[in-house]
């Protein structure tokens, strides 16, 4: 995935060299003295453990740490854990975090080079199929128990002649990247049911990102695009696109957003520490801005929460097998 700038404006006002320790400001520490004390004392009698962390290449290293450094700081204190990158360097510096492309992220988890990672929903079935554990946590709202989710949406300009999916037969529809769940795999699995078979009823063009798809529709480069609703809404909030200029022609059932997973070789004791500390974490102001309505991590019920993702994955696998058989 390319460097994601959708929240560059949000981040640009802050110093880009914050470490996990620095990311927790004095104001935040003063506002949560009890939580900080509890986080420090939970596993002080347990041996200090090492945990290798990897993040998706959604943001640059410094931006990644501005958003997630406070969580890593909390996890290190609470769980008595030494968080490192794959080179054995501590995450006490923002430049030490590993940000990896999708294939490299999967390979690192499967090989055991990385033990804790944030992954997008489209990668989860591949990891589970490779024998890795299901994700353990997702952003959510503690009071309501609502887990963060998004929908695949099909969008067009509001002043276009397209008012329903069938109007796009014979047209071009922007997908994002070949491996994207909401940007490519989900449209290929779900669009046929609404009369749009990719590469048959319409021409697929890859934009190389959700932002590019949305701006491409806005500026008339693409008649329509398949994008993730949460990323689209963030662009609206940021002011990159006017919601009044875009029409939603169709939306899917909800998908999980990015989730957190651990490798299969992480010891049960360390897994328990990570989970307990993650579920006790209260999101930083930066994360609450990035993920409105979410304030903590909530546990995942894989069968329930990943039903739509698994539907897409299974249909994608069947389509690939059918294409392979037809080619013989």
C-alpha atoms as a PDB file:
ATOM      1  CA  UNK A   1       0.000   0.000   0.000  1.00  0.00           C
ATOM      2  CA  UNK A   2       1.202   3.536  -0.625  1.00  0.00           C
ATOM      3  CA  UNK A   3       1.769   6.174   2.042  1.00  0.00           C
ATOM      4  CA  UNK A   4      -1.647   7.247   3.213  1.00  0.00           C
ATOM      5  CA  UNK A   5      -2.039  11.027   3.577  1.00  0.00           C
ATOM      6  CA  UNK A   6      -5.703  11.099   4.555  1.00  0.00           C
ATOM      7  CA  UNK A   7      -4.856  12.371   8.023  1.00  0.00           C
ATOM      8  CA  UNK A   8      -1.691  14.289   7.216  1.00  0.00           C
ATOM      9  CA  UNK A   9      -3.428  17.554   8.039  1.00  0.00           C
ATOM     10  CA  UNK A  10      -4.493  16.153  11.394  1.00  0.00           C
ATOM     11  CA  UNK A  11      -0.923  15.114  12.153  1.00  0.00           C
ATOM     12  CA  UNK A  12       0.991  18.031  10.667  1.00  0.00           C
ATOM     13  CA  UNK A  13       0.457  20.246  13.672  1.00  0.00           C
ATOM     14  CA  UNK A  14       2.338  17.846  15.933  1.00  0.00           C
ATOM     15  CA  UNK A  15       6.033  17.130  16.170  1.00  0.00           C
ATOM     16  CA  UNK A  16       6.932  14.091  14.083  1.00  0.00           C
ATOM     17  CA  UNK A  17       9.626  12.760  16.410  1.00  0.00           C
ATOM     18  CA  UNK A  18       7.473  11.744  19.337  1.00  0.00           C
ATOM     19  CA  UNK A  19       8.373   8.440  20.936  1.00  0.00           C
ATOM     20  CA  UNK A  20       5.800   6.242  22.711  1.00  0.00           C
ATOM     21  CA  UNK A  21       6.822   7.808  26.024  1.00  0.00           C
ATOM     22  CA  UNK A  22       6.651  11.337  24.642  1.00  0.00           C
ATOM     23  CA  UNK A  23       3.343  10.640  22.937  1.00  0.00           C
ATOM     24  CA  UNK A  24       1.697  10.493  26.363  1.00  0.00           C
ATOM     25  CA  UNK A  25       1.521  14.150  27.235  1.00  0.00           C
ATOM     26  CA  UNK A  26       1.617  15.579  30.729  1.00  0.00           C
ATOM     27  CA  UNK A  27      -2.021  16.546  30.397  1.00  0.00           C
ATOM     28  CA  UNK A  28      -3.021  12.996  29.512  1.00  0.00           C
ATOM     29  CA  UNK A  29      -0.947  11.638  32.379  1.00  0.00           C
ATOM     30  CA  UNK A  30      -2.577  14.059  34.806  1.00  0.00           C
ATOM     31  CA  UNK A  31      -6.038  13.164  33.549  1.00  0.00           C
ATOM     32  CA  UNK A  32      -5.476   9.444  34.084  1.00  0.00           C
ATOM     33  CA  UNK A  33      -3.235   9.018  37.174  1.00  0.00           C
ATOM     34  CA  UNK A  34      -5.121   5.969  38.436  1.00  0.00           C
ATOM     35  CA  UNK A  35      -5.054   4.283  35.052  1.00  0.00           C
ATOM     36  CA  UNK A  36      -1.328   4.948  34.724  1.00  0.00           C
ATOM     37  CA  UNK A  37      -0.655   3.470  38.164  1.00  0.00           C
ATOM     38  CA  UNK A  38      -2.752   0.423  37.370  1.00  0.00           C
ATOM     39  CA  UNK A  39      -1.005  -0.026  34.016  1.00  0.00           C
ATOM     40  CA  UNK A  40       2.404   0.097  35.699  1.00  0.00           C
ATOM     41  CA  UNK A  41       1.561  -2.448  38.381  1.00  0.00           C
ATOM     42  CA  UNK A  42      -0.404  -5.209  36.656  1.00  0.00           C
ATOM     43  CA  UNK A  43       2.470  -7.519  35.649  1.00  0.00           C
ATOM     44  CA  UNK A  44       5.455  -6.207  37.618  1.00  0.00           C
ATOM     45  CA  UNK A  45       5.960  -9.631  39.213  1.00  0.00           C
ATOM     46  CA  UNK A  46       6.017 -11.352  35.801  1.00  0.00           C
ATOM     47  CA  UNK A  47       9.283 -11.738  33.874  1.00  0.00           C
ATOM     48  CA  UNK A  48       9.863  -9.029  31.282  1.00  0.00           C
ATOM     49  CA  UNK A  49       9.026 -10.362  27.803  1.00  0.00           C
ATOM     50  CA  UNK A  50      10.019  -9.292  24.315  1.00  0.00           C
ATOM     51  CA  UNK A  51       7.393  -8.680  21.628  1.00  0.00           C
ATOM     52  CA  UNK A  52       8.135  -7.759  18.004  1.00  0.00           C
ATOM     53  CA  UNK A  53       5.600  -5.315  16.536  1.00  0.00           C
ATOM     54  CA  UNK A  54       4.820  -4.603  12.877  1.00  0.00           C
ATOM     55  CA  UNK A  55       2.371  -2.145  11.365  1.00  0.00           C
ATOM     56  CA  UNK A  56       0.799  -1.844   7.892  1.00  0.00           C
ATOM     57  CA  UNK A  57       2.232   0.672   5.477  1.00  0.00           C
ATOM     58  CA  UNK A  58      -0.771   2.960   5.866  1.00  0.00           C
ATOM     59  CA  UNK A  59       1.148   5.880   7.336  1.00  0.00           C
ATOM     60  CA  UNK A  60       4.834   6.785   7.477  1.00  0.00           C
ATOM     61  CA  UNK A  61       6.747   5.707  10.582  1.00  0.00           C
ATOM     62  CA  UNK A  62       6.451   9.000  12.444  1.00  0.00           C
ATOM     63  CA  UNK A  63       2.731   9.354  11.730  1.00  0.00           C
ATOM     64  CA  UNK A  64       2.165   5.749  12.797  1.00  0.00           C
ATOM     65  CA  UNK A  65       3.804   6.448  16.141  1.00  0.00           C
ATOM     66  CA  UNK A  66       1.861   9.675  16.639  1.00  0.00           C
ATOM     67  CA  UNK A  67      -1.318   7.631  16.396  1.00  0.00           C
ATOM     68  CA  UNK A  68      -0.308   4.371  18.080  1.00  0.00           C
ATOM     69  CA  UNK A  69       2.717   5.289  20.212  1.00  0.00           C
ATOM     70  CA  UNK A  70       0.534   5.952  23.260  1.00  0.00           C
ATOM     71  CA  UNK A  71      -0.950   2.439  22.955  1.00  0.00           C
ATOM     72  CA  UNK A  72       2.510   0.888  22.651  1.00  0.00           C
ATOM     73  CA  UNK A  73       3.642   2.879  25.683  1.00  0.00           C
ATOM     74  CA  UNK A  74       0.640   1.637  27.663  1.00  0.00           C
ATOM     75  CA  UNK A  75       1.213  -1.955  26.537  1.00  0.00           C
ATOM     76  CA  UNK A  76       4.892  -1.859  27.517  1.00  0.00           C
ATOM     77  CA  UNK A  77       4.148  -0.471  30.985  1.00  0.00           C
ATOM     78  CA  UNK A  78       1.041  -2.486  31.699  1.00  0.00           C
ATOM     79  CA  UNK A  79       2.309  -5.842  30.432  1.00  0.00           C
ATOM     80  CA  UNK A  80       5.975  -5.454  31.447  1.00  0.00           C
ATOM     81  CA  UNK A  81       6.840  -5.985  27.780  1.00  0.00           C
ATOM     82  CA  UNK A  82       9.831  -4.839  25.746  1.00  0.00           C
ATOM     83  CA  UNK A  83       8.364  -3.814  22.384  1.00  0.00           C
ATOM     84  CA  UNK A  84      10.819  -4.034  19.492  1.00  0.00           C
ATOM     85  CA  UNK A  85      11.063  -4.002  15.729  1.00  0.00           C
ATOM     86  CA  UNK A  86      12.417  -6.919  13.696  1.00  0.00           C
ATOM     87  CA  UNK A  87      15.978  -5.603  14.063  1.00  0.00           C
ATOM     88  CA  UNK A  88      15.742  -5.826  17.853  1.00  0.00           C
ATOM     89  CA  UNK A  89      15.508  -2.050  18.293  1.00  0.00           C
ATOM     90  CA  UNK A  90      13.233  -0.686  20.999  1.00  0.00           C
ATOM     91  CA  UNK A  91      10.136   1.268  19.993  1.00  0.00           C
ATOM     92  CA  UNK A  92      11.233   4.148  22.193  1.00  0.00           C
ATOM     93  CA  UNK A  93      11.932   6.040  18.962  1.00  0.00           C
ATOM     94  CA  UNK A  94       9.327   6.823  16.331  1.00  0.00           C
ATOM     95  CA  UNK A  95      11.722   5.868  13.561  1.00  0.00           C
ATOM     96  CA  UNK A  96      12.106   2.308  14.844  1.00  0.00           C
ATOM     97  CA  UNK A  97       8.614   1.023  14.049  1.00  0.00           C
ATOM     98  CA  UNK A  98       8.393  -1.414  11.113  1.00  0.00           C
ATOM     99  CA  UNK A  99       5.759  -0.381   8.551  1.00  0.00           C
ATOM    100  CA  UNK A 100       5.323  -3.171   6.029  1.00  0.00           C
ATOM    101  CA  UNK A 101       3.543  -3.804   2.747  1.00  0.00           C
ATOM    102  CA  UNK A 102       0.755  -6.406   2.897  1.00  0.00           C
ATOM    103  CA  UNK A 103       2.731  -9.434   1.673  1.00  0.00           C
ATOM    104  CA  UNK A 104       5.676  -8.626   3.915  1.00  0.00           C
ATOM    105  CA  UNK A 105       3.349  -8.164   6.887  1.00  0.00           C
ATOM    106  CA  UNK A 106       1.744 -11.579   6.330  1.00  0.00           C
ATOM    107  CA  UNK A 107       5.127 -13.253   5.817  1.00  0.00           C
ATOM    108  CA  UNK A 108       6.477 -11.679   9.011  1.00  0.00           C
ATOM    109  CA  UNK A 109       3.557 -12.945  11.097  1.00  0.00           C
ATOM    110  CA  UNK A 110       3.556 -16.448   9.599  1.00  0.00           C
ATOM    111  CA  UNK A 111       7.345 -16.815   9.977  1.00  0.00           C
ATOM    112  CA  UNK A 112       7.315 -15.482  13.542  1.00  0.00           C
ATOM    113  CA  UNK A 113       9.492 -12.475  12.735  1.00  0.00           C
ATOM    114  CA  UNK A 114       6.618 -10.268  13.942  1.00  0.00           C
ATOM    115  CA  UNK A 115       4.413 -11.257  16.861  1.00  0.00           C
ATOM    116  CA  UNK A 116       1.944  -8.389  17.189  1.00  0.00           C
ATOM    117  CA  UNK A 117       0.482  -6.511  14.247  1.00  0.00           C
ATOM    118  CA  UNK A 118      -2.411  -4.453  12.985  1.00  0.00           C
ATOM    119  CA  UNK A 119      -3.915  -6.031   9.855  1.00  0.00           C
ATOM    120  CA  UNK A 120      -6.649  -5.003   7.466  1.00  0.00           C
ATOM    121  CA  UNK A 121      -9.677  -7.322   7.257  1.00  0.00           C
ATOM    122  CA  UNK A 122      -8.809  -8.650   3.823  1.00  0.00           C
ATOM    123  CA  UNK A 123      -5.621 -10.238   5.192  1.00  0.00           C
ATOM    124  CA  UNK A 124      -7.275 -12.037   8.106  1.00  0.00           C
ATOM    125  CA  UNK A 125      -8.636 -15.047   6.149  1.00  0.00           C
ATOM    126  CA  UNK A 126      -5.181 -15.600   4.652  1.00  0.00           C
ATOM    127  CA  UNK A 127      -3.598 -15.570   8.097  1.00  0.00           C
ATOM    128  CA  UNK A 128      -6.198 -17.926   9.572  1.00  0.00           C
ATOM    129  CA  UNK A 129      -5.810 -20.254   6.576  1.00  0.00           C
ATOM    130  CA  UNK A 130      -2.057 -20.259   7.272  1.00  0.00           C
ATOM    131  CA  UNK A 131      -2.675 -21.495  10.814  1.00  0.00           C
ATOM    132  CA  UNK A 132      -2.435 -18.153  12.605  1.00  0.00           C
ATOM    133  CA  UNK A 133      -4.840 -17.234  15.418  1.00  0.00           C
ATOM    134  CA  UNK A 134      -7.887 -15.101  14.681  1.00  0.00           C
ATOM    135  CA  UNK A 135      -7.512 -11.413  15.623  1.00  0.00           C
ATOM    136  CA  UNK A 136      -8.080 -10.661  19.285  1.00  0.00           C
ATOM    137  CA  UNK A 137      -9.152  -7.017  19.286  1.00  0.00           C
ATOM    138  CA  UNK A 138     -10.749  -4.214  17.293  1.00  0.00           C
ATOM    139  CA  UNK A 139     -11.434  -0.548  18.106  1.00  0.00           C
ATOM    140  CA  UNK A 140     -14.846  -0.012  19.629  1.00  0.00           C
ATOM    141  CA  UNK A 141     -16.968   1.882  22.127  1.00  0.00           C
ATOM    142  CA  UNK A 142     -16.782   0.618  25.692  1.00  0.00           C
ATOM    143  CA  UNK A 143     -20.188   1.925  26.790  1.00  0.00           C
ATOM    144  CA  UNK A 144     -22.208   0.614  23.841  1.00  0.00           C
ATOM    145  CA  UNK A 145     -20.098  -2.445  23.014  1.00  0.00           C
ATOM    146  CA  UNK A 146     -20.226  -1.370  19.361  1.00  0.00           C
ATOM    147  CA  UNK A 147     -17.248  -2.546  17.320  1.00  0.00           C
ATOM    148  CA  UNK A 148     -15.795  -0.290  14.660  1.00  0.00           C
ATOM    149  CA  UNK A 149     -16.858  -1.323  11.171  1.00  0.00           C
ATOM    150  CA  UNK A 150     -17.226  -0.032   7.641  1.00  0.00           C
ATOM    151  CA  UNK A 151     -19.201  -0.831   4.509  1.00  0.00           C
ATOM    152  CA  UNK A 152     -18.268  -1.225   0.887  1.00  0.00           C
ATOM    153  CA  UNK A 153     -20.001   1.605  -0.958  1.00  0.00           C
ATOM    154  CA  UNK A 154     -20.462   2.257  -4.648  1.00  0.00           C
ATOM    155  CA  UNK A 155     -20.252   5.981  -5.321  1.00  0.00           C
ATOM    156  CA  UNK A 156     -20.796   8.345  -8.258  1.00  0.00           C
ATOM    157  CA  UNK A 157     -21.051  12.109  -8.666  1.00  0.00           C
ATOM    158  CA  UNK A 158     -24.398  13.489  -7.578  1.00  0.00           C
ATOM    159  CA  UNK A 159     -24.732  15.350 -10.886  1.00  0.00           C
ATOM    160  CA  UNK A 160     -24.053  12.213 -12.943  1.00  0.00           C
ATOM    161  CA  UNK A 161     -26.820  10.242 -14.702  1.00  0.00           C
ATOM    162  CA  UNK A 162     -26.079   7.215 -12.493  1.00  0.00           C
ATOM    163  CA  UNK A 163     -28.683   6.654  -9.784  1.00  0.00           C
ATOM    164  CA  UNK A 164     -28.549   2.863  -9.341  1.00  0.00           C
ATOM    165  CA  UNK A 165     -25.890   0.156  -9.841  1.00  0.00           C
ATOM    166  CA  UNK A 166     -27.405  -1.123 -13.095  1.00  0.00           C
ATOM    167  CA  UNK A 167     -26.814   2.301 -14.686  1.00  0.00           C
ATOM    168  CA  UNK A 168     -23.100   1.495 -14.680  1.00  0.00           C
ATOM    169  CA  UNK A 169     -23.305  -1.469 -17.053  1.00  0.00           C
ATOM    170  CA  UNK A 170     -20.756  -0.887 -19.807  1.00  0.00           C
ATOM    171  CA  UNK A 171     -18.957   1.828 -17.821  1.00  0.00           C
ATOM    172  CA  UNK A 172     -15.681   1.986 -15.876  1.00  0.00           C
ATOM    173  CA  UNK A 173     -15.682   1.479 -12.110  1.00  0.00           C
ATOM    174  CA  UNK A 174     -12.576   2.229 -10.083  1.00  0.00           C
ATOM    175  CA  UNK A 175     -11.262  -0.467  -7.759  1.00  0.00           C
ATOM    176  CA  UNK A 176      -8.316   0.367  -5.485  1.00  0.00           C
ATOM    177  CA  UNK A 177      -5.651  -2.368  -5.474  1.00  0.00           C
ATOM    178  CA  UNK A 178      -5.847  -6.079  -6.321  1.00  0.00           C
ATOM    179  CA  UNK A 179      -5.363  -7.200  -2.690  1.00  0.00           C
ATOM    180  CA  UNK A 180      -7.734  -4.689  -1.077  1.00  0.00           C
ATOM    181  CA  UNK A 181     -10.777  -6.214   0.617  1.00  0.00           C
ATOM    182  CA  UNK A 182     -13.213  -3.332   0.226  1.00  0.00           C
ATOM    183  CA  UNK A 183     -11.476  -1.941  -2.840  1.00  0.00           C
ATOM    184  CA  UNK A 184     -11.395  -5.083  -5.002  1.00  0.00           C
ATOM    185  CA  UNK A 185     -12.129  -8.474  -3.411  1.00  0.00           C
ATOM    186  CA  UNK A 186     -15.491  -7.432  -1.962  1.00  0.00           C
ATOM    187  CA  UNK A 187     -16.759  -5.815  -5.192  1.00  0.00           C
ATOM    188  CA  UNK A 188     -15.826  -8.943  -7.134  1.00  0.00           C
ATOM    189  CA  UNK A 189     -17.673 -11.118  -4.622  1.00  0.00           C
ATOM    190  CA  UNK A 190     -20.731  -8.938  -3.951  1.00  0.00           C
ATOM    191  CA  UNK A 191     -21.367  -6.867  -7.095  1.00  0.00           C
ATOM    192  CA  UNK A 192     -22.634  -9.779  -9.250  1.00  0.00           C
ATOM    193  CA  UNK A 193     -25.715 -10.007  -7.021  1.00  0.00           C
ATOM    194  CA  UNK A 194     -26.623  -6.408  -7.977  1.00  0.00           C
ATOM    195  CA  UNK A 195     -26.118  -6.962 -11.690  1.00  0.00           C
ATOM    196  CA  UNK A 196     -22.492  -5.867 -11.980  1.00  0.00           C
ATOM    197  CA  UNK A 197     -20.099  -8.690 -12.820  1.00  0.00           C
ATOM    198  CA  UNK A 198     -16.555  -7.247 -12.841  1.00  0.00           C
ATOM    199  CA  UNK A 199     -14.789  -7.397 -16.209  1.00  0.00           C
ATOM    200  CA  UNK A 200     -18.056  -8.471 -17.859  1.00  0.00           C
ATOM    201  CA  UNK A 201     -20.717  -5.870 -17.050  1.00  0.00           C
ATOM    202  CA  UNK A 202     -18.179  -3.123 -16.434  1.00  0.00           C
ATOM    203  CA  UNK A 203     -14.487  -2.370 -16.909  1.00  0.00           C
ATOM    204  CA  UNK A 204     -12.334  -2.524 -13.785  1.00  0.00           C
ATOM    205  CA  UNK A 205      -9.703   0.220 -13.484  1.00  0.00           C
ATOM    206  CA  UNK A 206      -7.297   0.294 -10.533  1.00  0.00           C
ATOM    207  CA  UNK A 207      -6.777   3.683  -8.895  1.00  0.00           C
ATOM    208  CA  UNK A 208      -4.110   2.561  -6.385  1.00  0.00           C
ATOM    209  CA  UNK A 209      -5.995   3.733  -3.311  1.00  0.00           C
ATOM    210  CA  UNK A 210      -9.326   4.726  -1.785  1.00  0.00           C
ATOM    211  CA  UNK A 211      -8.407   8.408  -1.788  1.00  0.00           C
ATOM    212  CA  UNK A 212      -7.540   8.235  -5.463  1.00  0.00           C
ATOM    213  CA  UNK A 213     -10.813   6.489  -6.233  1.00  0.00           C
ATOM    214  CA  UNK A 214     -12.875   9.117  -4.416  1.00  0.00           C
ATOM    215  CA  UNK A 215     -11.033  12.090  -5.909  1.00  0.00           C
ATOM    216  CA  UNK A 216     -11.152  10.380  -9.306  1.00  0.00           C
ATOM    217  CA  UNK A 217     -14.942  10.241  -9.111  1.00  0.00           C
ATOM    218  CA  UNK A 218     -15.131  13.792  -7.799  1.00  0.00           C
ATOM    219  CA  UNK A 219     -13.052  15.133 -10.721  1.00  0.00           C
ATOM    220  CA  UNK A 220     -14.750  13.013 -13.353  1.00  0.00           C
ATOM    221  CA  UNK A 221     -11.897  10.575 -14.076  1.00  0.00           C
ATOM    222  CA  UNK A 222     -14.074   7.590 -13.107  1.00  0.00           C
ATOM    223  CA  UNK A 223     -17.860   7.302 -13.518  1.00  0.00           C
ATOM    224  CA  UNK A 224     -18.017   5.383 -10.219  1.00  0.00           C
ATOM    225  CA  UNK A 225     -15.828   3.745  -7.578  1.00  0.00           C
ATOM    226  CA  UNK A 226     -15.930   1.005  -4.952  1.00  0.00           C
ATOM    227  CA  UNK A 227     -14.521   2.350  -1.681  1.00  0.00           C
ATOM    228  CA  UNK A 228     -14.609   1.801   2.075  1.00  0.00           C
ATOM    229  CA  UNK A 229     -17.228   3.955   3.782  1.00  0.00           C
ATOM    230  CA  UNK A 230     -15.012   4.870   6.748  1.00  0.00           C
ATOM    231  CA  UNK A 231     -12.178   6.102   4.548  1.00  0.00           C
ATOM    232  CA  UNK A 232     -14.641   8.081   2.449  1.00  0.00           C
ATOM    233  CA  UNK A 233     -16.164   9.674   5.565  1.00  0.00           C
ATOM    234  CA  UNK A 234     -12.718  10.626   6.851  1.00  0.00           C
ATOM    235  CA  UNK A 235     -12.113  12.473   3.579  1.00  0.00           C
ATOM    236  CA  UNK A 236     -15.417  14.310   4.031  1.00  0.00           C
ATOM    237  CA  UNK A 237     -14.538  15.279   7.620  1.00  0.00           C
ATOM    238  CA  UNK A 238     -11.079  16.390   6.541  1.00  0.00           C
ATOM    239  CA  UNK A 239     -12.585  18.512   3.758  1.00  0.00           C
ATOM    240  CA  UNK A 240     -10.953  16.656   0.874  1.00  0.00           C
ATOM    241  CA  UNK A 241     -14.346  16.007  -0.686  1.00  0.00           C
ATOM    242  CA  UNK A 242     -17.824  17.478  -0.245  1.00  0.00           C
ATOM    243  CA  UNK A 243     -20.344  14.851   0.798  1.00  0.00           C
ATOM    244  CA  UNK A 244     -23.026  16.776  -1.085  1.00  0.00           C
ATOM    245  CA  UNK A 245     -21.158  16.190  -4.351  1.00  0.00           C
ATOM    246  CA  UNK A 246     -21.169  12.375  -4.068  1.00  0.00           C
ATOM    247  CA  UNK A 247     -24.066   9.934  -4.407  1.00  0.00           C
ATOM    248  CA  UNK A 248     -24.009   6.472  -2.819  1.00  0.00           C
ATOM    249  CA  UNK A 249     -25.631   3.980  -5.185  1.00  0.00           C
ATOM    250  CA  UNK A 250     -25.290   0.881  -2.995  1.00  0.00           C
ATOM    251  CA  UNK A 251     -23.754  -0.296   0.280  1.00  0.00           C
ATOM    252  CA  UNK A 252     -22.821  -3.711   1.672  1.00  0.00           C
ATOM    253  CA  UNK A 253     -23.351  -5.320   5.077  1.00  0.00           C
ATOM    254  CA  UNK A 254     -20.684  -4.192   7.599  1.00  0.00           C
ATOM    255  CA  UNK A 255     -17.070  -5.359   7.654  1.00  0.00           C
ATOM    256  CA  UNK A 256     -14.617  -5.211  10.530  1.00  0.00           C
ATOM    257  CA  UNK A 257     -12.011  -2.467  10.220  1.00  0.00           C
ATOM    258  CA  UNK A 258      -8.313  -3.001  10.964  1.00  0.00           C
ATOM    259  CA  UNK A 259      -7.849  -5.499  13.781  1.00  0.00           C
ATOM    260  CA  UNK A 260      -4.966  -6.583  16.005  1.00  0.00           C
ATOM    261  CA  UNK A 261      -3.521 -10.061  15.920  1.00  0.00           C
ATOM    262  CA  UNK A 262      -0.718 -12.061  17.537  1.00  0.00           C
ATOM    263  CA  UNK A 263       1.421 -14.798  16.049  1.00  0.00           C
ATOM    264  CA  UNK A 264       0.813 -18.450  16.893  1.00  0.00           C
ATOM    265  CA  UNK A 265       4.146 -18.768  18.702  1.00  0.00           C
ATOM    266  CA  UNK A 266       3.355 -16.099  21.309  1.00  0.00           C
ATOM    267  CA  UNK A 267       3.167 -17.814  24.693  1.00  0.00           C
ATOM    268  CA  UNK A 268      -0.228 -18.076  26.440  1.00  0.00           C
ATOM    269  CA  UNK A 269       1.074 -15.902  29.286  1.00  0.00           C
ATOM    270  CA  UNK A 270       2.193 -13.141  26.932  1.00  0.00           C
ATOM    271  CA  UNK A 271      -1.056 -13.380  24.953  1.00  0.00           C
ATOM    272  CA  UNK A 272      -2.990 -12.904  28.193  1.00  0.00           C
ATOM    273  CA  UNK A 273      -0.922  -9.851  29.088  1.00  0.00           C
ATOM    274  CA  UNK A 274      -1.407  -8.239  25.666  1.00  0.00           C
ATOM    275  CA  UNK A 275      -5.158  -8.855  25.700  1.00  0.00           C
ATOM    276  CA  UNK A 276      -5.736  -7.650  29.251  1.00  0.00           C
ATOM    277  CA  UNK A 277      -3.678  -4.515  28.720  1.00  0.00           C
ATOM    278  CA  UNK A 278      -5.227  -3.797  25.320  1.00  0.00           C
ATOM    279  CA  UNK A 279      -8.773  -4.092  26.651  1.00  0.00           C
ATOM    280  CA  UNK A 280      -7.892  -1.738  29.535  1.00  0.00           C
ATOM    281  CA  UNK A 281      -6.431   0.893  27.212  1.00  0.00           C
ATOM    282  CA  UNK A 282      -8.252   4.214  26.834  1.00  0.00           C
ATOM    283  CA  UNK A 283      -7.636   5.740  23.409  1.00  0.00           C
ATOM    284  CA  UNK A 284      -5.513   8.878  23.115  1.00  0.00           C
ATOM    285  CA  UNK A 285      -7.071  12.081  21.743  1.00  0.00           C
ATOM    286  CA  UNK A 286      -5.360  11.441  18.397  1.00  0.00           C
ATOM    287  CA  UNK A 287      -6.984   8.019  18.074  1.00  0.00           C
ATOM    288  CA  UNK A 288     -10.378   9.377  19.078  1.00  0.00           C
ATOM    289  CA  UNK A 289     -10.060  11.926  16.270  1.00  0.00           C
ATOM    290  CA  UNK A 290      -9.037   9.241  13.798  1.00  0.00           C
ATOM    291  CA  UNK A 291     -11.749   6.800  14.933  1.00  0.00           C
ATOM    292  CA  UNK A 292     -14.771   8.866  16.057  1.00  0.00           C
ATOM    293  CA  UNK A 293     -16.990   7.080  18.568  1.00  0.00           C
ATOM    294  CA  UNK A 294     -14.284   4.575  19.518  1.00  0.00           C
ATOM    295  CA  UNK A 295     -12.457   4.793  22.837  1.00  0.00           C
ATOM    296  CA  UNK A 296     -10.911   1.371  23.521  1.00  0.00           C
ATOM    297  CA  UNK A 297     -10.290  -2.112  22.148  1.00  0.00           C
ATOM    298  CA  UNK A 298     -13.043  -4.731  22.271  1.00  0.00           C
ATOM    299  CA  UNK A 299     -12.645  -8.514  21.935  1.00  0.00           C
ATOM    300  CA  UNK A 300     -13.589 -10.220  18.672  1.00  0.00           C
ATOM    301  CA  UNK A 301     -16.000 -13.074  18.037  1.00  0.00           C
ATOM    302  CA  UNK A 302     -14.493 -14.295  14.790  1.00  0.00           C
ATOM    303  CA  UNK A 303     -17.513 -16.237  13.485  1.00  0.00           C
ATOM    304  CA  UNK A 304     -19.838 -13.294  14.061  1.00  0.00           C
ATOM    305  CA  UNK A 305     -17.629 -10.300  13.376  1.00  0.00           C
ATOM    306  CA  UNK A 306     -15.907 -11.676  10.273  1.00  0.00           C
ATOM    307  CA  UNK A 307     -18.956 -13.219   8.593  1.00  0.00           C
ATOM    308  CA  UNK A 308     -18.986 -10.730   5.703  1.00  0.00           C
ATOM    309  CA  UNK A 309     -15.200 -10.883   5.291  1.00  0.00           C
ATOM    310  CA  UNK A 310     -15.297 -14.685   5.152  1.00  0.00           C
ATOM    311  CA  UNK A 311     -18.156 -14.573   2.623  1.00  0.00           C
ATOM    312  CA  UNK A 312     -15.976 -12.448   0.363  1.00  0.00           C
ATOM    313  CA  UNK A 313     -12.945 -14.682   0.916  1.00  0.00           C
ATOM    314  CA  UNK A 314     -14.829 -17.916   0.187  1.00  0.00           C
ATOM    315  CA  UNK A 315     -16.408 -16.505  -2.969  1.00  0.00           C
ATOM    316  CA  UNK A 316     -13.024 -15.208  -4.092  1.00  0.00           C
ATOM    317  CA  UNK A 317     -11.442 -18.620  -3.554  1.00  0.00           C
ATOM    318  CA  UNK A 318     -14.209 -20.380  -5.488  1.00  0.00           C
ATOM    319  CA  UNK A 319     -13.895 -17.925  -8.359  1.00  0.00           C
ATOM    320  CA  UNK A 320     -10.132 -18.468  -8.475  1.00  0.00           C
ATOM    321  CA  UNK A 321     -10.567 -22.246  -8.495  1.00  0.00           C
ATOM    322  CA  UNK A 322     -13.160 -22.022 -11.269  1.00  0.00           C
ATOM    323  CA  UNK A 323     -10.862 -19.828 -13.345  1.00  0.00           C
ATOM    324  CA  UNK A 324      -7.980 -22.232 -12.830  1.00  0.00           C
ATOM    325  CA  UNK A 325     -10.113 -25.216 -13.839  1.00  0.00           C
ATOM    326  CA  UNK A 326     -11.366 -23.391 -16.956  1.00  0.00           C
ATOM    327  CA  UNK A 327      -7.786 -22.628 -17.981  1.00  0.00           C
ATOM    328  CA  UNK A 328      -6.794 -26.309 -18.021  1.00  0.00           C
END
